[in-house]
Amino acid sequence: MRLLFMSCAVALVLVSVGAKPQESSANLQKPSLHQQLRAPLTELPLLTLVTNMQKQSDVIFYTDCITGKTPCTAIGKALQTLVLDQRNSGRLCGGCTQCEIDRVKYVMDVLKRDYKPQACQIQTHLQWNGLFGTPDVCS
C-alpha cells in the first residue's frame, strides 16, 4: 500500500515540478480516448479508492457495472474500459501509466483476497480463466 501511494505521489510531484520537457501549445497531443475514459480512476484520491475497496456494497456496484448488470458512474466506466482493454489485449492495463497499473493491481489483489464471488463474476464475464492468477477465484 505504501509503495502504491509513493509511486503515485512521485508521479504527481514530477509532473508538478515540470519534469516533462517543455512543449509549445501547438505541439501538445490531445489525450487518447482511452486516457480520457481512464481519467476518473487516475484522478480518484488514493484514500477514496482504498475506502471504496473496503465497502462490499461499492465493490458489488462496480462489479455489476463492469459486467453490464447496472449503469456505470464515471469511475465505473474507467474500470470497465481497463477491464475490456485487458480482455482485448491480453495484457494488464496496456498503455497505462505506472500509477494506473498500480491502482489496477491493487484492485485486483483486493478482489482476489476479499471478494472472490465478485472476482469470479468479472472473470466469468470476460471468459478469461486465470485472470486473477492461481488459485482460480471461481474454484
N, C-alpha and C. Protein backbone atom coordinates (compact mmCIF):
# COMPACT_ATOMS: atom_id res chain seq x y z
N MET A 1 0.83 -1.18 0.00
CA MET A 1 0.00 0.00 0.00
C MET A 1 0.87 1.24 0.00
N ARG A 2 1.91 1.22 0.83
CA ARG A 2 2.81 2.36 0.91
C ARG A 2 3.50 2.57 -0.42
N LEU A 3 3.88 1.47 -1.10
CA LEU A 3 4.53 1.55 -2.40
C LEU A 3 3.59 2.15 -3.43
N LEU A 4 2.32 1.75 -3.42
CA LEU A 4 1.33 2.29 -4.33
C LEU A 4 1.20 3.80 -4.13
N PHE A 5 1.09 4.21 -2.89
CA PHE A 5 0.96 5.63 -2.59
C PHE A 5 2.21 6.40 -3.04
N MET A 6 3.38 5.85 -2.75
CA MET A 6 4.63 6.53 -3.10
C MET A 6 4.80 6.65 -4.61
N SER A 7 4.48 5.60 -5.36
CA SER A 7 4.66 5.67 -6.81
C SER A 7 3.73 6.72 -7.42
N CYS A 8 2.51 6.79 -6.92
CA CYS A 8 1.59 7.81 -7.42
C CYS A 8 2.03 9.20 -6.99
N ALA A 9 2.51 9.33 -5.77
CA ALA A 9 2.96 10.62 -5.27
C ALA A 9 4.17 11.11 -6.06
N VAL A 10 5.11 10.22 -6.33
CA VAL A 10 6.30 10.59 -7.11
C VAL A 10 5.88 11.06 -8.50
N ALA A 11 4.95 10.35 -9.12
CA ALA A 11 4.48 10.74 -10.45
C ALA A 11 3.85 12.12 -10.41
N LEU A 12 3.05 12.40 -9.38
CA LEU A 12 2.43 13.72 -9.26
C LEU A 12 3.45 14.82 -9.02
N VAL A 13 4.46 14.53 -8.20
CA VAL A 13 5.50 15.53 -7.92
C VAL A 13 6.28 15.83 -9.19
N LEU A 14 6.65 14.79 -9.94
CA LEU A 14 7.40 15.01 -11.18
C LEU A 14 6.63 15.87 -12.16
N VAL A 15 5.34 15.61 -12.27
CA VAL A 15 4.53 16.41 -13.17
C VAL A 15 4.41 17.84 -12.65
N SER A 16 4.24 18.00 -11.35
CA SER A 16 4.02 19.34 -10.80
C SER A 16 5.27 20.21 -10.84
N VAL A 17 6.47 19.59 -10.81
CA VAL A 17 7.69 20.39 -10.87
C VAL A 17 8.20 20.54 -12.29
N GLY A 18 7.42 20.04 -13.23
CA GLY A 18 7.80 20.24 -14.62
C GLY A 18 8.84 19.28 -15.11
N ALA A 19 8.80 18.03 -14.71
CA ALA A 19 9.79 17.05 -15.15
C ALA A 19 9.63 16.70 -16.62
N LYS A 20 8.49 17.02 -17.22
CA LYS A 20 8.30 16.78 -18.64
C LYS A 20 8.97 17.88 -19.44
N PRO A 21 9.43 17.55 -20.63
CA PRO A 21 10.01 18.60 -21.47
C PRO A 21 8.97 19.65 -21.80
N GLN A 22 9.42 20.87 -21.94
CA GLN A 22 8.52 21.96 -22.29
C GLN A 22 8.06 21.79 -23.73
N GLU A 23 6.79 21.97 -23.96
CA GLU A 23 6.25 21.86 -25.30
C GLU A 23 5.40 23.09 -25.57
N SER A 24 5.41 23.54 -26.80
CA SER A 24 4.54 24.65 -27.15
C SER A 24 3.11 24.12 -27.22
N SER A 25 2.16 24.99 -27.05
CA SER A 25 0.77 24.55 -27.06
C SER A 25 0.38 23.94 -28.40
N ALA A 26 1.07 24.32 -29.48
CA ALA A 26 0.77 23.76 -30.79
C ALA A 26 1.20 22.30 -30.88
N ASN A 27 2.21 21.91 -30.09
CA ASN A 27 2.75 20.55 -30.15
C ASN A 27 2.12 19.60 -29.14
N LEU A 28 1.25 20.10 -28.27
CA LEU A 28 0.64 19.24 -27.26
C LEU A 28 -0.32 18.26 -27.93
N GLN A 29 -0.23 17.00 -27.50
CA GLN A 29 -1.13 16.00 -28.05
C GLN A 29 -2.38 15.92 -27.19
N LYS A 30 -3.49 15.70 -27.84
CA LYS A 30 -4.73 15.50 -27.11
C LYS A 30 -4.69 14.13 -26.47
N PRO A 31 -5.25 14.00 -25.26
CA PRO A 31 -5.31 12.68 -24.65
C PRO A 31 -6.12 11.72 -25.52
N SER A 32 -5.68 10.47 -25.57
CA SER A 32 -6.43 9.48 -26.34
C SER A 32 -7.77 9.23 -25.67
N LEU A 33 -8.66 8.61 -26.41
CA LEU A 33 -9.98 8.29 -25.86
C LEU A 33 -9.83 7.40 -24.63
N HIS A 34 -8.90 6.43 -24.70
CA HIS A 34 -8.68 5.55 -23.54
C HIS A 34 -8.17 6.33 -22.33
N GLN A 35 -7.28 7.29 -22.55
CA GLN A 35 -6.79 8.11 -21.44
C GLN A 35 -7.93 8.92 -20.84
N GLN A 36 -8.79 9.44 -21.68
CA GLN A 36 -9.93 10.21 -21.19
C GLN A 36 -10.87 9.33 -20.38
N LEU A 37 -11.11 8.11 -20.84
CA LEU A 37 -12.00 7.20 -20.13
C LEU A 37 -11.40 6.73 -18.80
N ARG A 38 -10.06 6.59 -18.74
CA ARG A 38 -9.40 6.13 -17.51
C ARG A 38 -9.20 7.25 -16.50
N ALA A 39 -9.31 8.50 -16.93
CA ALA A 39 -9.01 9.65 -16.08
C ALA A 39 -9.75 9.65 -14.74
N PRO A 40 -11.05 9.33 -14.68
CA PRO A 40 -11.72 9.36 -13.37
C PRO A 40 -11.07 8.43 -12.34
N LEU A 41 -10.57 7.28 -12.77
CA LEU A 41 -9.90 6.37 -11.85
C LEU A 41 -8.54 6.93 -11.44
N THR A 42 -7.82 7.49 -12.39
CA THR A 42 -6.49 8.04 -12.12
C THR A 42 -6.58 9.24 -11.19
N GLU A 43 -7.62 10.04 -11.38
CA GLU A 43 -7.78 11.26 -10.58
C GLU A 43 -8.43 11.01 -9.22
N LEU A 44 -8.96 9.81 -9.02
CA LEU A 44 -9.60 9.46 -7.75
C LEU A 44 -8.55 9.47 -6.64
N PRO A 45 -8.77 10.20 -5.56
CA PRO A 45 -7.79 10.18 -4.47
C PRO A 45 -7.56 8.75 -3.98
N LEU A 46 -6.32 8.44 -3.70
CA LEU A 46 -5.95 7.09 -3.29
C LEU A 46 -6.74 6.64 -2.07
N LEU A 47 -6.94 7.53 -1.11
CA LEU A 47 -7.70 7.19 0.10
C LEU A 47 -9.13 6.79 -0.25
N THR A 48 -9.73 7.47 -1.23
CA THR A 48 -11.08 7.13 -1.67
C THR A 48 -11.11 5.75 -2.30
N LEU A 49 -10.10 5.43 -3.11
CA LEU A 49 -10.03 4.10 -3.72
C LEU A 49 -9.94 3.02 -2.65
N VAL A 50 -9.08 3.23 -1.66
CA VAL A 50 -8.93 2.26 -0.57
C VAL A 50 -10.24 2.12 0.20
N THR A 51 -10.88 3.24 0.50
CA THR A 51 -12.15 3.22 1.23
C THR A 51 -13.22 2.48 0.43
N ASN A 52 -13.29 2.75 -0.88
CA ASN A 52 -14.27 2.06 -1.73
C ASN A 52 -14.05 0.56 -1.73
N MET A 53 -12.80 0.13 -1.73
CA MET A 53 -12.49 -1.29 -1.78
C MET A 53 -12.76 -1.97 -0.43
N GLN A 54 -13.01 -1.20 0.61
CA GLN A 54 -13.34 -1.76 1.92
C GLN A 54 -14.85 -1.92 2.11
N LYS A 55 -15.63 -1.37 1.19
CA LYS A 55 -17.10 -1.41 1.30
C LYS A 55 -17.65 -2.43 0.31
N GLN A 56 -18.22 -3.50 0.83
CA GLN A 56 -18.75 -4.55 -0.04
C GLN A 56 -19.79 -4.00 -1.01
N SER A 57 -20.62 -3.08 -0.55
CA SER A 57 -21.66 -2.53 -1.43
C SER A 57 -21.05 -1.80 -2.62
N ASP A 58 -19.94 -1.08 -2.41
CA ASP A 58 -19.26 -0.39 -3.52
C ASP A 58 -18.64 -1.41 -4.47
N VAL A 59 -18.01 -2.45 -3.93
CA VAL A 59 -17.39 -3.47 -4.76
C VAL A 59 -18.44 -4.17 -5.61
N ILE A 60 -19.58 -4.48 -5.02
CA ILE A 60 -20.66 -5.13 -5.77
C ILE A 60 -21.18 -4.19 -6.85
N PHE A 61 -21.35 -2.92 -6.52
CA PHE A 61 -21.83 -1.94 -7.51
C PHE A 61 -20.89 -1.88 -8.71
N TYR A 62 -19.59 -1.74 -8.46
CA TYR A 62 -18.64 -1.61 -9.56
C TYR A 62 -18.49 -2.93 -10.32
N THR A 63 -18.60 -4.06 -9.65
CA THR A 63 -18.57 -5.35 -10.34
C THR A 63 -19.76 -5.46 -11.29
N ASP A 64 -20.94 -5.09 -10.80
CA ASP A 64 -22.14 -5.13 -11.64
C ASP A 64 -22.02 -4.15 -12.81
N CYS A 65 -21.39 -3.02 -12.58
CA CYS A 65 -21.16 -2.05 -13.65
C CYS A 65 -20.23 -2.65 -14.71
N ILE A 66 -19.10 -3.21 -14.26
CA ILE A 66 -18.11 -3.78 -15.19
C ILE A 66 -18.72 -4.88 -16.04
N THR A 67 -19.58 -5.68 -15.43
CA THR A 67 -20.18 -6.81 -16.14
C THR A 67 -21.47 -6.45 -16.86
N GLY A 68 -21.85 -5.18 -16.83
CA GLY A 68 -23.00 -4.72 -17.60
C GLY A 68 -24.35 -4.95 -16.94
N LYS A 69 -24.36 -5.28 -15.65
CA LYS A 69 -25.64 -5.53 -14.97
C LYS A 69 -26.32 -4.24 -14.52
N THR A 70 -25.54 -3.19 -14.29
CA THR A 70 -26.09 -1.91 -13.86
C THR A 70 -25.40 -0.78 -14.63
N PRO A 71 -26.04 0.39 -14.68
CA PRO A 71 -25.37 1.55 -15.29
C PRO A 71 -24.12 1.93 -14.50
N CYS A 72 -23.19 2.56 -15.17
CA CYS A 72 -21.91 2.91 -14.55
C CYS A 72 -21.81 4.40 -14.25
N THR A 73 -21.03 4.71 -13.22
CA THR A 73 -20.58 6.08 -12.97
C THR A 73 -19.33 6.30 -13.82
N ALA A 74 -18.75 7.48 -13.76
CA ALA A 74 -17.51 7.76 -14.50
C ALA A 74 -16.38 6.83 -14.04
N ILE A 75 -16.30 6.58 -12.74
CA ILE A 75 -15.27 5.68 -12.22
C ILE A 75 -15.54 4.26 -12.71
N GLY A 76 -16.80 3.85 -12.69
CA GLY A 76 -17.16 2.53 -13.20
C GLY A 76 -16.82 2.37 -14.67
N LYS A 77 -17.06 3.41 -15.46
CA LYS A 77 -16.71 3.38 -16.88
C LYS A 77 -15.20 3.25 -17.05
N ALA A 78 -14.43 3.93 -16.18
CA ALA A 78 -12.97 3.83 -16.25
C ALA A 78 -12.53 2.39 -15.96
N LEU A 79 -13.10 1.79 -14.93
CA LEU A 79 -12.78 0.40 -14.61
C LEU A 79 -13.19 -0.52 -15.74
N GLN A 80 -14.37 -0.30 -16.28
CA GLN A 80 -14.87 -1.12 -17.38
C GLN A 80 -13.93 -1.02 -18.59
N THR A 81 -13.46 0.17 -18.89
CA THR A 81 -12.53 0.37 -20.01
C THR A 81 -11.24 -0.41 -19.79
N LEU A 82 -10.71 -0.34 -18.57
CA LEU A 82 -9.48 -1.06 -18.27
C LEU A 82 -9.66 -2.56 -18.39
N VAL A 83 -10.79 -3.07 -17.91
CA VAL A 83 -11.05 -4.50 -17.96
C VAL A 83 -11.23 -4.95 -19.41
N LEU A 84 -11.97 -4.19 -20.20
CA LEU A 84 -12.18 -4.56 -21.60
C LEU A 84 -10.89 -4.46 -22.39
N ASP A 85 -10.06 -3.45 -22.09
CA ASP A 85 -8.74 -3.35 -22.73
C ASP A 85 -7.92 -4.59 -22.43
N GLN A 86 -8.00 -5.03 -21.18
CA GLN A 86 -7.23 -6.19 -20.76
C GLN A 86 -7.71 -7.44 -21.50
N ARG A 87 -9.01 -7.58 -21.63
CA ARG A 87 -9.55 -8.74 -22.34
C ARG A 87 -9.11 -8.72 -23.80
N ASN A 88 -9.15 -7.56 -24.42
CA ASN A 88 -8.82 -7.46 -25.85
C ASN A 88 -7.33 -7.59 -26.14
N SER A 89 -6.50 -7.09 -25.23
CA SER A 89 -5.05 -7.11 -25.48
C SER A 89 -4.35 -8.29 -24.83
N GLY A 90 -4.99 -8.88 -23.81
CA GLY A 90 -4.34 -9.97 -23.08
C GLY A 90 -3.29 -9.47 -22.11
N ARG A 91 -3.22 -8.15 -21.93
CA ARG A 91 -2.25 -7.54 -21.01
C ARG A 91 -2.98 -6.73 -19.95
N LEU A 92 -2.35 -6.66 -18.79
CA LEU A 92 -2.91 -5.85 -17.72
C LEU A 92 -2.66 -4.37 -18.01
N CYS A 93 -3.72 -3.65 -18.28
CA CYS A 93 -3.64 -2.19 -18.39
C CYS A 93 -2.67 -1.73 -19.48
N GLY A 94 -2.83 -2.22 -20.68
CA GLY A 94 -1.96 -1.82 -21.79
C GLY A 94 -2.00 -0.32 -22.02
N GLY A 95 -0.83 0.29 -22.12
CA GLY A 95 -0.74 1.73 -22.35
C GLY A 95 -0.97 2.58 -21.11
N CYS A 96 -1.06 1.95 -19.94
CA CYS A 96 -1.31 2.69 -18.70
C CYS A 96 -0.02 3.28 -18.14
N THR A 97 -0.19 4.32 -17.34
CA THR A 97 0.93 4.85 -16.57
C THR A 97 1.21 3.89 -15.42
N GLN A 98 2.36 4.04 -14.79
CA GLN A 98 2.69 3.18 -13.65
C GLN A 98 1.69 3.36 -12.53
N CYS A 99 1.21 4.57 -12.33
CA CYS A 99 0.21 4.83 -11.29
C CYS A 99 -1.08 4.07 -11.59
N GLU A 100 -1.52 4.07 -12.85
CA GLU A 100 -2.73 3.34 -13.22
C GLU A 100 -2.53 1.84 -13.04
N ILE A 101 -1.37 1.34 -13.43
CA ILE A 101 -1.07 -0.09 -13.26
C ILE A 101 -1.11 -0.46 -11.79
N ASP A 102 -0.50 0.36 -10.94
CA ASP A 102 -0.51 0.09 -9.50
C ASP A 102 -1.92 0.05 -8.95
N ARG A 103 -2.76 0.96 -9.40
CA ARG A 103 -4.15 1.00 -8.92
C ARG A 103 -4.92 -0.23 -9.38
N VAL A 104 -4.73 -0.63 -10.62
CA VAL A 104 -5.42 -1.82 -11.14
C VAL A 104 -4.96 -3.06 -10.39
N LYS A 105 -3.65 -3.18 -10.17
CA LYS A 105 -3.14 -4.33 -9.42
C LYS A 105 -3.70 -4.35 -8.00
N TYR A 106 -3.78 -3.19 -7.37
CA TYR A 106 -4.34 -3.11 -6.02
C TYR A 106 -5.79 -3.61 -6.01
N VAL A 107 -6.59 -3.11 -6.95
CA VAL A 107 -8.00 -3.51 -7.02
C VAL A 107 -8.10 -5.02 -7.25
N MET A 108 -7.31 -5.53 -8.17
CA MET A 108 -7.36 -6.98 -8.46
C MET A 108 -6.92 -7.81 -7.25
N ASP A 109 -5.89 -7.35 -6.55
CA ASP A 109 -5.43 -8.08 -5.36
C ASP A 109 -6.51 -8.11 -4.28
N VAL A 110 -7.17 -6.97 -4.05
CA VAL A 110 -8.22 -6.91 -3.04
C VAL A 110 -9.41 -7.78 -3.45
N LEU A 111 -9.77 -7.74 -4.73
CA LEU A 111 -10.86 -8.59 -5.21
C LEU A 111 -10.53 -10.06 -4.97
N LYS A 112 -9.33 -10.45 -5.34
CA LYS A 112 -8.93 -11.86 -5.21
C LYS A 112 -8.92 -12.29 -3.74
N ARG A 113 -8.44 -11.41 -2.87
CA ARG A 113 -8.30 -11.76 -1.46
C ARG A 113 -9.61 -11.66 -0.68
N ASP A 114 -10.38 -10.59 -0.91
CA ASP A 114 -11.53 -10.29 -0.04
C ASP A 114 -12.90 -10.47 -0.70
N TYR A 115 -12.94 -10.50 -2.02
CA TYR A 115 -14.22 -10.52 -2.73
C TYR A 115 -14.19 -11.55 -3.87
N LYS A 116 -13.97 -12.81 -3.51
CA LYS A 116 -13.86 -13.85 -4.53
C LYS A 116 -15.11 -13.99 -5.40
N PRO A 117 -16.33 -13.89 -4.85
CA PRO A 117 -17.50 -14.00 -5.73
C PRO A 117 -17.52 -12.91 -6.82
N GLN A 118 -17.12 -11.70 -6.45
CA GLN A 118 -17.10 -10.61 -7.43
C GLN A 118 -15.94 -10.81 -8.42
N ALA A 119 -14.80 -11.28 -7.95
CA ALA A 119 -13.68 -11.57 -8.84
C ALA A 119 -14.08 -12.65 -9.84
N CYS A 120 -14.76 -13.68 -9.36
CA CYS A 120 -15.23 -14.75 -10.23
C CYS A 120 -16.25 -14.22 -11.24
N GLN A 121 -17.12 -13.33 -10.80
CA GLN A 121 -18.12 -12.74 -11.70
C GLN A 121 -17.43 -12.00 -12.85
N ILE A 122 -16.39 -11.23 -12.54
CA ILE A 122 -15.65 -10.49 -13.58
C ILE A 122 -14.93 -11.47 -14.49
N GLN A 123 -14.25 -12.44 -13.91
CA GLN A 123 -13.51 -13.43 -14.70
C GLN A 123 -14.45 -14.20 -15.64
N THR A 124 -15.61 -14.59 -15.13
CA THR A 124 -16.59 -15.33 -15.94
C THR A 124 -17.14 -14.44 -17.05
N HIS A 125 -17.43 -13.19 -16.73
CA HIS A 125 -17.94 -12.25 -17.72
C HIS A 125 -16.95 -12.08 -18.87
N LEU A 126 -15.67 -11.99 -18.52
CA LEU A 126 -14.63 -11.81 -19.54
C LEU A 126 -14.27 -13.11 -20.25
N GLN A 127 -14.75 -14.23 -19.71
CA GLN A 127 -14.39 -15.55 -20.25
C GLN A 127 -12.87 -15.70 -20.29
N TRP A 128 -12.24 -15.34 -19.17
CA TRP A 128 -10.78 -15.34 -19.08
C TRP A 128 -10.38 -16.11 -17.82
N ASN A 129 -10.32 -17.43 -17.92
CA ASN A 129 -9.90 -18.25 -16.79
C ASN A 129 -8.47 -17.86 -16.41
N GLY A 130 -8.25 -17.73 -15.11
CA GLY A 130 -6.91 -17.37 -14.63
C GLY A 130 -6.63 -15.89 -14.62
N LEU A 131 -7.62 -15.08 -14.89
CA LEU A 131 -7.43 -13.62 -14.89
C LEU A 131 -6.78 -13.14 -13.59
N PHE A 132 -7.18 -13.72 -12.48
CA PHE A 132 -6.68 -13.31 -11.18
C PHE A 132 -5.54 -14.22 -10.71
N GLY A 133 -4.98 -15.00 -11.61
CA GLY A 133 -3.86 -15.89 -11.26
C GLY A 133 -4.36 -17.17 -10.61
N THR A 134 -3.45 -17.79 -9.87
CA THR A 134 -3.80 -19.04 -9.19
C THR A 134 -3.73 -18.83 -7.69
N PRO A 135 -4.51 -19.51 -6.92
CA PRO A 135 -5.56 -20.43 -7.34
C PRO A 135 -6.71 -19.67 -7.99
N ASP A 136 -7.47 -20.39 -8.82
CA ASP A 136 -8.59 -19.80 -9.54
C ASP A 136 -9.63 -19.28 -8.55
N VAL A 137 -10.09 -18.04 -8.75
CA VAL A 137 -11.05 -17.43 -7.82
C VAL A 137 -12.42 -18.08 -7.91
N CYS A 138 -12.69 -18.82 -8.97
CA CYS A 138 -14.00 -19.44 -9.14
C CYS A 138 -14.05 -20.86 -8.59
N SER A 139 -12.93 -21.38 -8.05
CA SER A 139 -12.95 -22.76 -7.52
C SER A 139 -13.31 -22.75 -6.05
